[in-house]
C-alpha atoms as a PDB file:
ATOM      1  CA  VAL A   1    -178.100  30.589  23.135  1.00  0.00           C
ATOM      2  CA  VAL A   2    -176.527  31.840  26.132  1.00  0.00           C
ATOM      3  CA  ARG A   3    -176.351  35.297  25.096  1.00  0.00           C
ATOM      4  CA  TRP A   4    -180.081  34.923  23.880  1.00  0.00           C
ATOM      5  CA  TYR A   5    -180.647  34.129  28.049  1.00  0.00           C
ATOM      6  CA  ALA A   6    -178.473  37.302  29.060  1.00  0.00           C
ATOM      7  CA  GLU A   7    -180.172  39.613  26.826  1.00  0.00           C
ATOM      8  CA  ARG A   8    -183.918  38.154  28.108  1.00  0.00           C
ATOM      9  CA  LEU A   9    -182.798  39.181  31.612  1.00  0.00           C
ATOM     10  CA  GLU A  10    -181.115  41.960  31.210  1.00  0.00           C
ATOM     11  CA  LYS A  11    -184.005  43.312  29.803  1.00  0.00           C
ATOM     12  CA  ALA A  12    -186.112  41.902  32.440  1.00  0.00           C
ATOM     13  CA  SER A  13    -184.068  43.311  35.358  1.00  0.00           C
ATOM     14  CA  ALA A  14    -184.156  46.761  33.380  1.00  0.00           C
ATOM     15  CA  ARG A  15    -187.804  46.886  33.166  1.00  0.00           C
ATOM     16  CA  ALA A  16    -188.623  45.229  36.822  1.00  0.00           C
ATOM     17  CA  ALA A  17    -186.318  47.855  37.977  1.00  0.00           C
ATOM     18  CA  GLU A  18    -187.194  51.249  39.622  1.00  0.00           C
ATOM     19  CA  ILE A  19    -184.080  52.830  38.632  1.00  0.00           C
ATOM     20  CA  VAL A  20    -180.953  51.983  36.655  1.00  0.00           C
ATOM     21  CA  THR A  21    -177.661  53.635  36.481  1.00  0.00           C
ATOM     22  CA  ALA A  22    -175.158  53.741  33.598  1.00  0.00           C
ATOM     23  CA  CYS A  23    -171.353  54.091  33.380  1.00  0.00           C
ATOM     24  CA  SER A  24    -171.452  55.779  29.819  1.00  0.00           C
ATOM     25  CA  PRO A  25    -174.366  57.973  27.977  1.00  0.00           C
ATOM     26  CA  PHE A  26    -174.303  54.872  25.271  1.00  0.00           C
ATOM     27  CA  LEU A  27    -175.372  52.480  27.995  1.00  0.00           C
ATOM     28  CA  VAL A  28    -177.886  55.246  29.624  1.00  0.00           C
ATOM     29  CA  HIS A  29    -179.754  55.383  25.543  1.00  0.00           C
ATOM     30  CA  TYR A  30    -179.210  51.549  25.607  1.00  0.00           C
ATOM     31  CA  PHE A  31    -181.529  51.424  28.737  1.00  0.00           C
ATOM     32  CA  GLN A  32    -183.824  53.488  28.325  1.00  0.00           C
ATOM     33  CA  GLU A  33    -184.337  51.372  24.860  1.00  0.00           C
ATOM     34  CA  GLN A  34    -185.244  48.231  26.831  1.00  0.00           C
ATOM     35  CA  SER A  35    -187.471  49.946  29.377  1.00  0.00           C
ATOM     36  CA  PRO A  36    -188.614  53.546  28.810  1.00  0.00           C
ATOM     37  CA  LYS A  37    -190.674  53.476  31.640  1.00  0.00           C
ATOM     38  CA  THR A  38    -187.890  53.131  34.289  1.00  0.00           C
ATOM     39  CA  ARG A  39    -185.792  55.950  35.282  1.00  0.00           C
ATOM     40  CA  VAL A  40    -181.991  56.082  34.169  1.00  0.00           C
ATOM     41  CA  GLU A  41    -179.363  57.911  35.308  1.00  0.00           C
ATOM     42  CA  PHE A  42    -175.510  58.566  34.244  1.00  0.00           C
ATOM     43  CA  LEU A  43    -173.002  57.502  36.893  1.00  0.00           C
ATOM     44  CA  PRO A  44    -169.975  57.326  35.397  1.00  0.00           C
ATOM     45  CA  THR A  45    -167.188  54.447  37.117  1.00  0.00           C
ATOM     46  CA  GLY A  46    -164.565  56.246  39.707  1.00  0.00           C
ATOM     47  CA  ILE A  47    -161.391  55.607  40.065  1.00  0.00           C
ATOM     48  CA  ASP A  48    -159.143  55.688  43.308  1.00  0.00           C
ATOM     49  CA  ILE A  49    -156.155  57.711  43.084  1.00  0.00           C
ATOM     50  CA  PRO A  50    -153.714  56.268  45.006  1.00  0.00           C
ATOM     51  CA  THR A  51    -151.001  57.918  47.146  1.00  0.00           C
ATOM     52  CA  VAL A  52    -147.757  56.659  45.049  1.00  0.00           C
ATOM     53  CA  PRO A  53    -143.982  58.200  44.722  1.00  0.00           C
ATOM     54  CA  PRO A  54    -143.235  59.429  41.714  1.00  0.00           C
ATOM     55  CA  SER A  55    -142.116  57.250  39.362  1.00  0.00           C
ATOM     56  CA  ARG A  56    -138.688  59.261  38.086  1.00  0.00           C
ATOM     57  CA  LEU A  57    -139.132  58.354  34.290  1.00  0.00           C
ATOM     58  CA  ARG A  58    -136.861  60.846  32.988  1.00  0.00           C
ATOM     59  CA  GLU A  59    -134.420  59.528  35.348  1.00  0.00           C
ATOM     60  CA  ARG A  60    -135.209  55.569  34.221  1.00  0.00           C
ATOM     61  CA  LEU A  61    -135.238  57.053  30.571  1.00  0.00           C
ATOM     62  CA  ALA A  62    -132.323  59.072  30.768  1.00  0.00           C
ATOM     63  CA  LEU A  63    -134.633  61.968  29.206  1.00  0.00           C
ATOM     64  CA  PRO A  64    -133.177  65.748  29.914  1.00  0.00           C
ATOM     65  CA  SER A  65    -135.013  67.396  32.659  1.00  0.00           C
ATOM     66  CA  ASP A  66    -136.830  69.901  29.752  1.00  0.00           C
ATOM     67  CA  ALA A  67    -138.181  66.647  28.078  1.00  0.00           C
ATOM     68  CA  ARG A  68    -141.691  66.662  26.969  1.00  0.00           C
ATOM     69  CA  ILE A  69    -143.442  63.321  27.522  1.00  0.00           C
ATOM     70  CA  ILE A  70    -146.641  61.982  26.222  1.00  0.00           C
ATOM     71  CA  LEU A  71    -147.656  58.818  27.804  1.00  0.00           C
ATOM     72  CA  TYR A  72    -150.285  56.085  26.647  1.00  0.00           C
ATOM     73  CA  VAL A  73    -150.624  53.674  29.071  1.00  0.00           C
ATOM     74  CA  GLY A  74    -153.447  50.652  28.759  1.00  0.00           C
ATOM     75  CA  SER A  75    -153.604  47.733  26.633  1.00  0.00           C
ATOM     76  CA  LEU A  76    -151.860  46.950  23.290  1.00  0.00           C
ATOM     77  CA  SER A  77    -154.812  45.225  21.720  1.00  0.00           C
ATOM     78  CA  ILE A  78    -155.768  47.340  18.464  1.00  0.00           C
ATOM     79  CA  ALA A  79    -158.566  44.730  17.909  1.00  0.00           C
ATOM     80  CA  SER A  80    -160.253  46.154  21.521  1.00  0.00           C
ATOM     81  CA  GLY A  81    -160.421  49.660  20.662  1.00  0.00           C
ATOM     82  CA  HIS A  82    -156.978  50.934  21.615  1.00  0.00           C
ATOM     83  CA  ARG A  83    -155.568  52.074  18.601  1.00  0.00           C
ATOM     84  CA  VAL A  84    -151.742  52.596  19.385  1.00  0.00           C
ATOM     85  CA  ASP A  85    -150.707  51.490  15.959  1.00  0.00           C
ATOM     86  CA  LEU A  86    -152.130  55.433  15.233  1.00  0.00           C
ATOM     87  CA  LEU A  87    -151.155  57.172  18.350  1.00  0.00           C
ATOM     88  CA  LEU A  88    -147.609  55.840  16.775  1.00  0.00           C
ATOM     89  CA  LYS A  89    -148.066  57.176  12.957  1.00  0.00           C
ATOM     90  CA  ALA A  90    -149.219  60.327  14.530  1.00  0.00           C
ATOM     91  CA  PHE A  91    -146.197  60.619  16.320  1.00  0.00           C
ATOM     92  CA  THR A  92    -143.850  59.877  13.555  1.00  0.00           C
ATOM     93  CA  ARG A  93    -145.673  62.517  11.331  1.00  0.00           C
ATOM     94  CA  LEU A  94    -145.503  65.151  13.735  1.00  0.00           C
ATOM     95  CA  ALA A  95    -141.553  64.270  14.506  1.00  0.00           C
ATOM     96  CA  ASP A  96    -139.560  66.009  12.174  1.00  0.00           C
ATOM     97  CA  ARG A  97    -141.642  69.067  12.658  1.00  0.00           C
ATOM     98  CA  THR A  98    -143.159  70.430  15.550  1.00  0.00           C
ATOM     99  CA  ILE A  99    -142.288  68.199  18.860  1.00  0.00           C
ATOM    100  CA  GLY A 100    -138.406  68.537  18.851  1.00  0.00           C
ATOM    101  CA  LYS A 101    -137.831  67.105  22.654  1.00  0.00           C
ATOM    102  CA  THR A 102    -141.007  65.793  22.821  1.00  0.00           C
ATOM    103  CA  HIS A 103    -141.486  61.628  23.985  1.00  0.00           C
ATOM    104  CA  LEU A 104    -143.471  59.234  23.787  1.00  0.00           C
ATOM    105  CA  VAL A 105    -143.663  56.830  26.047  1.00  0.00           C
ATOM    106  CA  ILE A 106    -145.948  53.808  26.448  1.00  0.00           C
ATOM    107  CA  ALA A 107    -147.072  51.638  29.118  1.00  0.00           C
ATOM    108  CA  GLY A 108    -148.586  47.879  28.698  1.00  0.00           C
ATOM    109  CA  ASP A 109    -148.898  44.782  27.140  1.00  0.00           C
ATOM    110  CA  GLY A 110    -151.039  43.069  24.615  1.00  0.00           C
ATOM    111  CA  ILE A 111    -151.443  40.826  21.711  1.00  0.00           C
ATOM    112  CA  ASP A 112    -150.155  43.698  18.948  1.00  0.00           C
ATOM    113  CA  GLU A 113    -146.675  44.760  21.565  1.00  0.00           C
ATOM    114  CA  GLY A 114    -144.777  43.283  19.260  1.00  0.00           C
ATOM    115  CA  SER A 115    -146.000  44.823  15.921  1.00  0.00           C
ATOM    116  CA  LEU A 116    -146.431  47.835  17.889  1.00  0.00           C
ATOM    117  CA  ARG A 117    -142.495  47.735  18.561  1.00  0.00           C
ATOM    118  CA  ARG A 118    -141.181  46.762  15.319  1.00  0.00           C
ATOM    119  CA  ASP A 119    -143.492  49.962  13.765  1.00  0.00           C
ATOM    120  CA  ALA A 120    -141.670  52.242  15.997  1.00  0.00           C
ATOM    121  CA  ALA A 121    -138.332  50.792  15.133  1.00  0.00           C
ATOM    122  CA  GLN A 122    -138.793  51.185  11.761  1.00  0.00           C
ATOM    123  CA  SER A 123    -139.999  54.970  12.827  1.00  0.00           C
ATOM    124  CA  VAL A 124    -137.909  58.246  12.142  1.00  0.00           C
ATOM    125  CA  ALA A 125    -138.496  58.696  15.762  1.00  0.00           C
ATOM    126  CA  ARG A 126    -137.675  55.582  16.710  1.00  0.00           C
ATOM    127  CA  ASP A 127    -135.095  57.211  19.726  1.00  0.00           C
ATOM    128  CA  ARG A 128    -137.839  59.501  20.525  1.00  0.00           C
ATOM    129  CA  ILE A 129    -140.254  56.283  21.103  1.00  0.00           C
ATOM    130  CA  HIS A 130    -140.156  54.008  24.469  1.00  0.00           C
ATOM    131  CA  PHE A 131    -141.734  50.525  25.943  1.00  0.00           C
ATOM    132  CA  LEU A 132    -142.207  50.291  29.208  1.00  0.00           C
ATOM    133  CA  GLY A 133    -143.829  47.033  29.298  1.00  0.00           C
ATOM    134  CA  ARG A 134    -146.729  45.720  31.740  1.00  0.00           C
ATOM    135  CA  PHE A 135    -146.846  47.777  34.560  1.00  0.00           C
ATOM    136  CA  THR A 136    -149.406  47.175  37.439  1.00  0.00           C
ATOM    137  CA  PRO A 137    -151.581  49.555  39.164  1.00  0.00           C
ATOM    138  CA  PRO A 138    -150.763  51.910  41.261  1.00  0.00           C
ATOM    139  CA  GLU A 139    -147.660  52.752  38.913  1.00  0.00           C
ATOM    140  CA  ASP A 140    -149.760  54.215  36.199  1.00  0.00           C
ATOM    141  CA  THR A 141    -150.860  57.026  38.328  1.00  0.00           C
ATOM    142  CA  ALA A 142    -147.379  57.131  39.160  1.00  0.00           C
ATOM    143  CA  LEU A 143    -146.643  57.829  35.193  1.00  0.00           C
ATOM    144  CA  ALA A 144    -149.435  59.998  35.035  1.00  0.00           C
ATOM    145  CA  ARG A 145    -148.146  61.991  37.080  1.00  0.00           C
ATOM    146  CA  ASP A 146    -144.444  62.029  36.032  1.00  0.00           C
ATOM    147  CA  VAL A 147    -145.783  63.287  32.265  1.00  0.00           C
ATOM    148  CA  ASP A 148    -146.877  66.777  30.062  1.00  0.00           C
ATOM    149  CA  LEU A 149    -149.856  64.968  28.157  1.00  0.00           C
ATOM    150  CA  LEU A 150    -152.375  61.876  28.485  1.00  0.00           C
ATOM    151  CA  VAL A 151    -153.465  59.912  25.397  1.00  0.00           C
ATOM    152  CA  ASP A 152    -156.297  57.727  25.136  1.00  0.00           C
ATOM    153  CA  PRO A 153    -156.593  56.645  21.502  1.00  0.00           C
ATOM    154  CA  VAL A 154    -159.651  55.105  20.617  1.00  0.00           C
ATOM    155  CA  ASP A 155    -161.771  54.267  18.259  1.00  0.00           C
ATOM    156  CA  ALA A 156    -165.828  54.180  18.112  1.00  0.00           C
ATOM    157  CA  THR A 157    -166.518  50.527  18.505  1.00  0.00           C
ATOM    158  CA  PRO A 158    -169.245  49.452  21.026  1.00  0.00           C
ATOM    159  CA  THR A 159    -167.073  48.387  23.334  1.00  0.00           C
ATOM    160  CA  ASN A 160    -165.604  51.819  23.929  1.00  0.00           C
ATOM    161  CA  GLU A 161    -169.112  53.516  23.535  1.00  0.00           C
ATOM    162  CA  ALA A 162    -170.430  51.970  26.430  1.00  0.00           C
ATOM    163  CA  LYS A 163    -167.653  51.749  29.300  1.00  0.00           C
ATOM    164  CA  SER A 164    -165.541  54.450  30.587  1.00  0.00           C
ATOM    165  CA  SER A 165    -162.244  55.672  30.363  1.00  0.00           C
ATOM    166  CA  HIS A 166    -159.967  54.927  33.207  1.00  0.00           C
ATOM    167  CA  ARG A 167    -157.370  57.141  31.167  1.00  0.00           C
ATOM    168  CA  THR A 168    -159.780  60.310  30.748  1.00  0.00           C
ATOM    169  CA  MET A 169    -160.471  59.629  34.598  1.00  0.00           C
ATOM    170  CA  LEU A 170    -156.862  59.232  35.697  1.00  0.00           C
ATOM    171  CA  GLY A 171    -155.772  62.492  33.776  1.00  0.00           C
ATOM    172  CA  LEU A 172    -158.678  64.557  35.280  1.00  0.00           C
ATOM    173  CA  MET A 173    -158.305  63.356  38.933  1.00  0.00           C
ATOM    174  CA  ILE A 174    -154.455  64.103  39.180  1.00  0.00           C
ATOM    175  CA  GLY A 175    -154.381  67.043  36.809  1.00  0.00           C
ATOM    176  CA  THR A 176    -152.610  65.855  34.059  1.00  0.00           C
ATOM    177  CA  PRO A 177    -153.673  66.846  30.474  1.00  0.00           C
ATOM    178  CA  ILE A 178    -155.343  64.623  28.547  1.00  0.00           C
ATOM    179  CA  VAL A 179    -156.187  64.442  24.625  1.00  0.00           C
ATOM    180  CA  THR A 180    -158.536  61.833  23.627  1.00  0.00           C
ATOM    181  CA  GLY A 181    -161.696  60.729  20.951  1.00  0.00           C
ATOM    182  CA  ASN A 182    -165.085  62.125  21.268  1.00  0.00           C
ATOM    183  CA  VAL A 183    -166.496  57.888  21.987  1.00  0.00           C
ATOM    184  CA  GLY A 184    -168.447  56.735  24.436  1.00  0.00           C
ATOM    185  CA  ILE A 185    -168.432  58.669  28.314  1.00  0.00           C
ATOM    186  CA  ARG A 186    -165.117  61.043  27.008  1.00  0.00           C
ATOM    187  CA  PRO A 187    -167.428  63.695  25.472  1.00  0.00           C
ATOM    188  CA  SER A 188    -168.973  63.970  29.065  1.00  0.00           C
ATOM    189  CA  LEU A 189    -165.927  64.279  30.985  1.00  0.00           C
ATOM    190  CA  VAL A 190    -163.246  65.958  28.579  1.00  0.00           C
ATOM    191  CA  PRO A 191    -165.950  68.691  26.970  1.00  0.00           C
ATOM    192  CA  PRO A 192    -164.764  69.400  22.914  1.00  0.00           C
ATOM    193  CA  ALA A 193    -162.042  72.503  23.352  1.00  0.00           C
END
């Protein structure tokens, strides 16, 4: 019942507005369907990039200075569309072939943290997979500045289609390369290579 009222209110609000801003192409399309006569503009959600000291991640993990680091920072809840399980599988498959001195660092927590840690412990690359646990902003910025690559493994759920991507925006703002999926706002921010 509450959802029905919320949807009615959302449609009425879109029709009554002179302009609607939407933070993803998915939401632009959604509001254009709800109210074809209302002007809808795409306006990505911004992020604040604080000035933070370096995380000293290589020292913290006792990694050599020439180690390459891939970082995932975010939720460890697979049902929310954050496919860290697939990231672990991909890293493991590549571990023996091409990534030599590369380490995967996972910062965050969530309902799947335990199973992800177990999967990592069984991986042939277990000595190069590191879990940092829960973090608080601005630690994500400090971590992202100290790595070679950010990853944003997402699936095409309606939630990921509709929301902004903090990891993608963070990588772009601080200049750390990012690999992400072709989902939601991401192709608008990072055009395909």
